[in-house]
């Protein structure tokens, strides 16, 4: 495991696709950023992930602020997969790349 570019954040090959995670966990920084964008508070995140500390969240926000393009790309890649998978499970056929553009996100 290697500590990459930020205190408390690691990138490990073959773990979470090598994405930036809270050290010692498989919780990706992009996931926390997306949760915050969706209105989930830090208090709720700490309740949902009791092994995380407030310092872990601060480290995630610092990393996200330092590398916004990386985090945005991860959010787009992961939410696109979620939408595609959800649509498939609900009977939509993959006919072209634009098929899922208007498919609602999972809640």
Protein backbone atom coordinates (compact mmCIF):
# COMPACT_ATOMS: atom_id res chain seq x y z
CA UNK A 1 0.00 0.00 0.00
CA UNK A 2 1.35 3.41 -0.82
CA UNK A 3 0.51 6.84 0.50
CA UNK A 4 -0.07 9.01 -2.57
CA UNK A 5 -0.04 12.81 -2.58
CA UNK A 6 -2.08 13.40 0.59
CA UNK A 7 -2.00 12.56 4.26
CA UNK A 8 -4.43 9.77 5.14
CA UNK A 9 -5.23 8.93 1.52
CA UNK A 10 -3.86 5.85 -0.23
CA UNK A 11 -3.95 4.39 -3.71
CA UNK A 12 -3.34 0.67 -3.91
CA UNK A 13 -3.19 -1.19 -7.21
CA UNK A 14 -6.03 -3.73 -7.53
CA UNK A 15 -7.94 -2.24 -4.59
CA UNK A 16 -10.97 -0.16 -5.57
CA UNK A 17 -9.52 0.15 -9.04
CA UNK A 18 -6.49 1.97 -7.66
CA UNK A 19 -8.67 4.94 -6.73
CA UNK A 20 -7.85 7.28 -3.86
CA UNK A 21 -9.26 5.84 -0.63
CA UNK A 22 -9.21 6.65 3.05
CA UNK A 23 -6.08 4.90 4.38
CA UNK A 24 -6.79 1.43 5.73
CA UNK A 25 -10.24 1.24 4.14
CA UNK A 26 -11.91 0.63 0.81
CA UNK A 27 -13.86 3.88 1.06
CA UNK A 28 -13.09 5.93 -2.03
CA UNK A 29 -12.70 9.68 -1.80
CA UNK A 30 -15.01 10.11 -4.81
CA UNK A 31 -17.77 8.25 -2.93
CA UNK A 32 -17.56 10.63 0.02
CA UNK A 33 -17.51 13.66 -2.29
CA UNK A 34 -20.56 12.40 -4.18
CA UNK A 35 -22.37 11.71 -0.90
CA UNK A 36 -21.69 15.26 0.23
CA UNK A 37 -22.98 16.60 -3.11
CA UNK A 38 -26.17 14.61 -2.58
CA UNK A 39 -26.71 16.38 0.74
CA UNK A 40 -25.37 13.80 3.17
CA UNK A 41 -23.80 15.63 6.07
CA UNK A 42 -20.46 14.88 7.68
CA UNK A 43 -22.32 13.81 10.81
CA UNK A 44 -24.33 11.29 8.80
CA UNK A 45 -21.18 10.03 7.02
CA UNK A 46 -19.50 9.46 10.39
CA UNK A 47 -22.58 7.61 11.62
CA UNK A 48 -22.77 5.52 8.44
CA UNK A 49 -19.03 4.74 8.56
CA UNK A 50 -18.24 4.54 12.29
CA UNK A 51 -14.63 3.51 11.65
CA UNK A 52 -14.00 6.88 9.93
CA UNK A 53 -12.93 9.93 11.90
CA UNK A 54 -13.55 13.61 11.31
CA UNK A 55 -9.86 13.84 10.34
CA UNK A 56 -10.46 11.21 7.62
CA UNK A 57 -13.17 13.39 6.12
CA UNK A 58 -10.94 16.48 6.28
CA UNK A 59 -8.22 14.53 4.46
CA UNK A 60 -10.75 13.45 1.82
CA UNK A 61 -11.94 17.03 1.25
CA UNK A 62 -8.34 18.29 1.00
CA UNK A 63 -7.51 15.58 -1.54
CA UNK A 64 -10.67 16.28 -3.53
CA UNK A 65 -9.91 20.01 -3.60
CA UNK A 66 -6.33 19.32 -4.75
CA UNK A 67 -7.33 16.85 -7.50
CA UNK A 68 -10.83 17.83 -8.69
CA UNK A 69 -10.42 16.41 -12.21
CA UNK A 70 -9.46 12.98 -10.83
CA UNK A 71 -12.42 12.93 -8.44
CA UNK A 72 -14.89 14.15 -11.07
CA UNK A 73 -13.71 11.50 -13.53
CA UNK A 74 -14.16 8.80 -10.87
CA UNK A 75 -17.66 10.04 -10.03
CA UNK A 76 -18.66 10.05 -13.70
CA UNK A 77 -17.19 6.60 -14.34
CA UNK A 78 -18.77 5.03 -11.27
CA UNK A 79 -22.20 6.64 -11.59
CA UNK A 80 -22.34 5.72 -15.28
CA UNK A 81 -21.72 2.09 -14.34
CA UNK A 82 -24.40 2.27 -11.64
CA UNK A 83 -26.94 3.73 -14.08
CA UNK A 84 -26.12 1.14 -16.74
CA UNK A 85 -26.30 -1.76 -14.30
CA UNK A 86 -29.55 -0.50 -12.78
CA UNK A 87 -31.10 -0.07 -16.22
CA UNK A 88 -30.02 -3.58 -17.21
CA UNK A 89 -31.60 -5.03 -14.05
CA UNK A 90 -34.81 -3.20 -14.88
CA UNK A 91 -35.06 -4.69 -18.36
CA UNK A 92 -33.54 -2.00 -20.54
CA UNK A 93 -31.54 -3.30 -23.51
CA UNK A 94 -28.17 -1.85 -24.39
CA UNK A 95 -28.72 -0.68 -27.96
CA UNK A 96 -26.51 2.37 -28.19
CA UNK A 97 -24.21 4.50 -26.09
CA UNK A 98 -26.90 7.12 -25.47
CA UNK A 99 -29.61 4.75 -24.28
CA UNK A 100 -29.14 5.47 -20.59
CA UNK A 101 -28.63 9.21 -20.81
CA UNK A 102 -32.13 9.93 -19.53
CA UNK A 103 -32.43 6.89 -17.25
CA UNK A 104 -32.89 8.07 -13.64
CA UNK A 105 -30.15 7.49 -11.10
CA UNK A 106 -30.68 4.84 -8.41
CA UNK A 107 -31.61 6.16 -5.02
